């Protein structure tokens, strides 16, 4: 595959996207697990389908439409969740279904033959275009820059929101920023594992990392490294076996989580005995 990687542009795009996506999901995945926002992230992810449908309907890049829809829905969910007493599960359910419904509607209204949405739903990293890669690079830079700039504030917000508010940390602003970062990460991951499988790549690497360390920076670094391993392994297997990359990446990730959990359970059991 090394020779093919040097020869074919689509493999180079896939390789770079795998690394960039791993950085985003390692950082944001760690944060959403700490804040118990996994299902909220799933809701935001599924609203992106509406933006993809809108992109096809307007004749623009579908990922641009997904970016607009996911950021808008993230802000709306954050505002409703903050300003009202609405149950978060209700918001997740409504926006989850609304995004998918709007996507189907826009695609139905799109002139001509309906586009194949499989790669957006389940991911196919081998189909990443230069435009997709450029969007991923920009979004990744935004995510990394914001996290580095506000790292200490996010750290205080994650572990004790009430205390962070008392000492002057703008927790409300951080919460809105976090929702936007989740939306950006969703767009980064769409081409890698697809809308339906995004939650797996967001949660599995940090979940494995937290079994070996609880230090926030170490969890993030280990999550990024694991994400890169899972994505590149899935890319290699999908290229060799000619199967969809998204499903292989998720299978490799979840399989690794099971192995890590089993190892930890046996190791701790041996230590106790």
Protein backbone atom coordinates (compact mmCIF):
# COMPACT_ATOMS: atom_id res chain seq x y z
CA UNK A 1 0.00 0.00 0.00
CA UNK A 2 3.01 2.31 0.53
CA UNK A 3 3.69 2.43 -3.22
CA UNK A 4 0.02 3.13 -3.90
CA UNK A 5 0.05 5.89 -1.27
CA UNK A 6 2.89 7.63 -3.10
CA UNK A 7 1.21 7.14 -6.46
CA UNK A 8 -2.48 7.95 -5.95
CA UNK A 9 -3.87 11.31 -4.84
CA UNK A 10 -7.04 9.79 -3.37
CA UNK A 11 -4.97 7.65 -0.97
CA UNK A 12 -2.88 10.66 0.06
CA UNK A 13 -6.08 12.62 0.76
CA UNK A 14 -7.45 9.70 2.77
CA UNK A 15 -4.21 9.35 4.76
CA UNK A 16 -4.08 13.04 5.68
CA UNK A 17 -7.80 13.13 6.49
CA UNK A 18 -7.41 10.13 8.81
CA UNK A 19 -4.71 11.94 10.81
CA UNK A 20 -6.62 15.25 10.92
CA UNK A 21 -9.86 13.55 11.93
CA UNK A 22 -8.05 11.68 14.70
CA UNK A 23 -6.74 14.95 16.12
CA UNK A 24 -10.22 16.49 16.19
CA UNK A 25 -11.98 13.44 17.63
CA UNK A 26 -9.23 12.88 20.21
CA UNK A 27 -9.62 16.41 21.57
CA UNK A 28 -13.39 16.88 21.37
CA UNK A 29 -14.16 13.24 22.18
CA UNK A 30 -12.30 13.60 25.48
CA UNK A 31 -14.26 16.72 26.36
CA UNK A 32 -17.73 15.34 25.53
CA UNK A 33 -17.04 12.20 27.58
CA UNK A 34 -15.97 14.30 30.56
CA UNK A 35 -19.12 16.46 30.21
CA UNK A 36 -21.36 13.45 29.45
CA UNK A 37 -22.49 14.96 26.13
CA UNK A 38 -22.18 11.86 23.94
CA UNK A 39 -25.83 11.64 22.91
CA UNK A 40 -26.03 15.40 22.46
CA UNK A 41 -23.15 15.07 20.01
CA UNK A 42 -25.06 12.32 18.21
CA UNK A 43 -28.03 14.65 17.85
CA UNK A 44 -25.86 17.39 16.37
CA UNK A 45 -24.24 14.86 14.03
CA UNK A 46 -27.55 13.74 12.57
CA UNK A 47 -28.69 17.31 11.90
CA UNK A 48 -25.71 17.59 9.54
CA UNK A 49 -27.58 15.30 7.13
CA UNK A 50 -30.02 18.15 6.54
CA UNK A 51 -27.11 20.34 5.48
CA UNK A 52 -25.79 17.68 3.11
CA UNK A 53 -29.23 17.49 1.48
CA UNK A 54 -29.31 21.30 1.29
CA UNK A 55 -25.89 21.28 -0.35
CA UNK A 56 -27.10 18.97 -3.11
CA UNK A 57 -30.29 21.00 -3.53
CA UNK A 58 -28.40 24.32 -3.90
CA UNK A 59 -25.60 22.79 -5.97
CA UNK A 60 -22.85 23.62 -3.44
CA UNK A 61 -20.31 21.43 -1.66
CA UNK A 62 -22.36 19.14 0.64
CA UNK A 63 -19.85 19.51 3.51
CA UNK A 64 -20.37 23.29 3.43
CA UNK A 65 -24.09 22.68 3.88
CA UNK A 66 -23.36 20.19 6.66
CA UNK A 67 -21.14 22.76 8.39
CA UNK A 68 -23.86 25.42 8.26
CA UNK A 69 -26.57 23.07 9.50
CA UNK A 70 -24.55 21.46 12.29
CA UNK A 71 -23.26 24.78 13.68
CA UNK A 72 -26.74 26.35 13.51
CA UNK A 73 -28.39 23.36 15.19
CA UNK A 74 -25.64 23.24 17.85
CA UNK A 75 -26.26 26.89 18.74
CA UNK A 76 -30.04 26.43 18.79
CA UNK A 77 -29.74 23.34 21.02
CA UNK A 78 -27.32 25.18 23.33
CA UNK A 79 -29.62 28.22 23.62
CA UNK A 80 -32.76 26.14 24.25
CA UNK A 81 -30.93 23.95 26.75
CA UNK A 82 -29.53 27.00 28.58
CA UNK A 83 -32.56 29.28 28.50
CA UNK A 84 -35.37 26.80 29.15
CA UNK A 85 -36.07 23.78 31.32
CA UNK A 86 -36.48 21.51 28.30
CA UNK A 87 -35.11 18.00 28.84
CA UNK A 88 -31.91 17.44 26.85
CA UNK A 89 -33.13 14.02 25.69
CA UNK A 90 -36.16 15.67 24.12
CA UNK A 91 -33.96 18.17 22.27
CA UNK A 92 -31.70 15.38 21.04
CA UNK A 93 -34.64 13.35 19.77
CA UNK A 94 -36.25 16.30 17.99
CA UNK A 95 -33.15 17.64 16.25
CA UNK A 96 -31.88 14.12 15.48
CA UNK A 97 -35.07 13.38 13.55
CA UNK A 98 -35.44 16.90 12.13
CA UNK A 99 -32.00 16.88 10.54
CA UNK A 100 -32.55 13.52 8.87
CA UNK A 101 -36.05 14.53 7.70
CA UNK A 102 -34.84 17.81 6.18
CA UNK A 103 -32.00 16.00 4.43
CA UNK A 104 -34.40 13.53 2.84
CA UNK A 105 -36.71 16.39 1.85
CA UNK A 106 -33.96 18.45 0.21
CA UNK A 107 -32.69 15.42 -1.69
CA UNK A 108 -36.23 14.67 -2.90
CA UNK A 109 -36.48 18.25 -4.23
CA UNK A 110 -33.07 18.09 -5.93
CA UNK A 111 -33.48 17.95 -9.74
CA UNK A 112 -32.21 14.90 -11.56
CA UNK A 113 -31.25 11.48 -10.29
CA UNK A 114 -31.04 11.23 -6.46
CA UNK A 115 -27.40 11.20 -5.26
CA UNK A 116 -25.91 8.23 -3.42
CA UNK A 117 -25.79 9.21 0.26
CA UNK A 118 -24.08 6.04 1.51
CA UNK A 119 -20.64 7.60 1.94
CA UNK A 120 -22.10 10.45 4.02
CA UNK A 121 -24.14 8.11 6.21
CA UNK A 122 -21.56 5.38 6.76
CA UNK A 123 -18.31 7.01 5.64
CA UNK A 124 -15.80 6.18 2.94
CA UNK A 125 -12.44 7.80 3.53
CA UNK A 126 -11.23 6.68 0.10
CA UNK A 127 -13.70 9.14 -1.49
CA UNK A 128 -12.21 12.22 0.19
CA UNK A 129 -11.70 14.95 -2.41
CA UNK A 130 -9.22 17.83 -2.34
CA UNK A 131 -12.10 20.14 -1.34
CA UNK A 132 -13.01 17.81 1.56
CA UNK A 133 -9.38 17.77 2.67
CA UNK A 134 -9.13 21.58 2.53
CA UNK A 135 -12.27 21.94 4.65
CA UNK A 136 -10.91 19.39 7.13
CA UNK A 137 -7.59 21.26 7.45
CA UNK A 138 -9.34 24.57 8.15
CA UNK A 139 -11.74 23.10 10.71
CA UNK A 140 -8.95 21.17 12.41
CA UNK A 141 -6.87 24.32 12.77
CA UNK A 142 -9.83 26.16 14.30
CA UNK A 143 -10.49 23.36 16.80
CA UNK A 144 -6.85 23.04 17.87
CA UNK A 145 -6.34 26.81 18.14
CA UNK A 146 -9.43 27.36 20.31
CA UNK A 147 -8.63 24.45 22.64
CA UNK A 148 -5.03 25.61 23.11
CA UNK A 149 -6.12 29.24 23.66
CA UNK A 150 -8.76 28.34 26.27
CA UNK A 151 -7.30 25.11 27.65
CA UNK A 152 -7.12 26.13 31.31
CA UNK A 153 -10.61 27.61 31.19
CA UNK A 154 -11.97 24.43 29.59
CA UNK A 155 -10.17 22.36 32.21
CA UNK A 156 -11.85 24.28 35.04
CA UNK A 157 -15.21 24.14 33.23
CA UNK A 158 -14.96 20.36 32.75
CA UNK A 159 -14.13 19.36 36.30
CA UNK A 160 -16.04 21.91 38.39
CA UNK A 161 -18.34 24.22 36.45
CA UNK A 162 -19.74 25.90 39.57
CA UNK A 163 -16.30 26.73 40.97
CA UNK A 164 -15.15 27.91 37.51
CA UNK A 165 -18.08 30.35 37.41
CA UNK A 166 -17.22 31.67 40.88
CA UNK A 167 -13.60 32.42 39.95
CA UNK A 168 -14.70 34.30 36.84
CA UNK A 169 -14.43 31.74 34.05
CA UNK A 170 -17.08 32.57 31.37
CA UNK A 171 -18.70 29.12 31.51
CA UNK A 172 -21.74 30.11 29.43
CA UNK A 173 -19.51 31.30 26.60
CA UNK A 174 -17.38 28.15 26.89
CA UNK A 175 -20.49 26.00 26.63
CA UNK A 176 -21.54 27.71 23.40
CA UNK A 177 -18.01 27.37 22.04
CA UNK A 178 -17.99 23.69 22.96
CA UNK A 179 -21.23 23.09 21.06
CA UNK A 180 -19.74 24.81 18.01
CA UNK A 181 -16.55 22.73 18.29
CA UNK A 182 -18.65 19.56 18.42
CA UNK A 183 -20.38 20.68 15.21
CA UNK A 184 -17.02 21.33 13.51
CA UNK A 185 -15.73 17.92 14.60
CA UNK A 186 -18.85 16.25 13.22
CA UNK A 187 -18.15 17.76 9.79
CA UNK A 188 -14.50 16.61 9.98
CA UNK A 189 -15.60 13.03 10.73
CA UNK A 190 -18.44 12.72 8.20
CA UNK A 191 -16.19 11.54 5.37
CA UNK A 192 -14.24 9.21 7.67
CA UNK A 193 -16.96 7.18 9.42
CA UNK A 194 -20.22 8.80 8.29
CA UNK A 195 -22.99 10.51 10.23
CA UNK A 196 -24.45 7.32 11.71
CA UNK A 197 -21.10 5.99 13.00
CA UNK A 198 -19.58 9.26 14.26
CA UNK A 199 -20.36 8.58 17.92
CA UNK A 200 -18.10 5.51 17.91
CA UNK A 201 -14.98 7.38 16.77
CA UNK A 202 -15.73 10.25 19.15
CA UNK A 203 -16.07 8.02 22.20
CA UNK A 204 -13.93 4.89 21.77
CA UNK A 205 -10.39 6.41 21.74
CA UNK A 206 -11.00 8.57 24.87
CA UNK A 207 -12.74 5.65 26.60
CA UNK A 208 -9.68 3.47 26.05
CA UNK A 209 -7.32 6.27 27.06
CA UNK A 210 -9.17 6.85 30.34
CA UNK A 211 -8.49 3.24 31.32
CA UNK A 212 -4.77 4.03 31.48
CA UNK A 213 -4.62 7.67 32.60
CA UNK A 214 -6.87 10.33 34.12
CA UNK A 215 -4.67 13.34 33.38
CA UNK A 216 -6.57 15.46 30.84
CA UNK A 217 -3.62 16.23 28.55
CA UNK A 218 -2.49 12.60 28.58
CA UNK A 219 -6.01 11.40 27.77
CA UNK A 220 -6.15 13.79 24.81
CA UNK A 221 -2.72 12.79 23.48
CA UNK A 222 -3.45 9.08 23.87
CA UNK A 223 -6.89 9.51 22.27
CA UNK A 224 -5.34 11.24 19.26
CA UNK A 225 -2.73 8.47 18.91
CA UNK A 226 -5.37 5.74 19.17
CA UNK A 227 -7.59 7.54 16.67
CA UNK A 228 -4.72 7.67 14.18
CA UNK A 229 -4.02 3.95 14.67
CA UNK A 230 -7.71 3.02 14.23
CA UNK A 231 -8.23 5.24 11.19
CA UNK A 232 -5.06 4.18 9.38
CA UNK A 233 -5.70 0.52 10.17
CA UNK A 234 -9.24 0.88 8.84
CA UNK A 235 -7.93 2.70 5.76
CA UNK A 236 -5.43 -0.08 5.06
CA UNK A 237 -7.98 -2.86 5.56
CA UNK A 238 -10.62 -1.11 3.44
CA UNK A 239 -8.08 -0.68 0.64
CA UNK A 240 -6.94 -4.30 0.82
CA UNK A 241 -10.38 -5.88 1.29
CA UNK A 242 -12.33 -3.42 -0.91
CA UNK A 243 -14.91 -2.75 1.81
CA UNK A 244 -16.33 0.53 3.22
CA UNK A 245 -13.76 2.23 5.44
CA UNK A 246 -16.22 3.66 7.98
CA UNK A 247 -17.47 0.29 9.15
CA UNK A 248 -13.95 -1.18 9.33
CA UNK A 249 -12.67 1.77 11.39
CA UNK A 250 -15.53 1.38 13.86
CA UNK A 251 -15.07 -2.41 14.10
CA UNK A 252 -11.34 -1.98 14.74
CA UNK A 253 -12.04 0.72 17.34
CA UNK A 254 -14.69 -1.19 19.27
CA UNK A 255 -12.67 -4.41 19.05
CA UNK A 256 -9.70 -2.57 20.54
CA UNK A 257 -11.88 -1.22 23.34
CA UNK A 258 -13.03 -4.75 24.20
CA UNK A 259 -9.42 -6.00 24.23
CA UNK A 260 -8.26 -3.06 26.38
CA UNK A 261 -11.11 -3.53 28.84
CA UNK A 262 -10.46 -7.27 29.04
CA UNK A 263 -6.74 -6.69 29.61
CA UNK A 264 -7.46 -4.13 32.34
CA UNK A 265 -9.95 -6.43 34.05
CA UNK A 266 -7.55 -9.41 34.05
CA UNK A 267 -4.54 -7.29 35.05
CA UNK A 268 -6.37 -5.68 37.98
CA UNK A 269 -7.68 -9.06 39.03
CA UNK A 270 -4.14 -10.45 39.09
CA UNK A 271 -2.91 -7.44 41.09
CA UNK A 272 -5.68 -7.85 43.68
CA UNK A 273 -4.93 -11.57 44.09
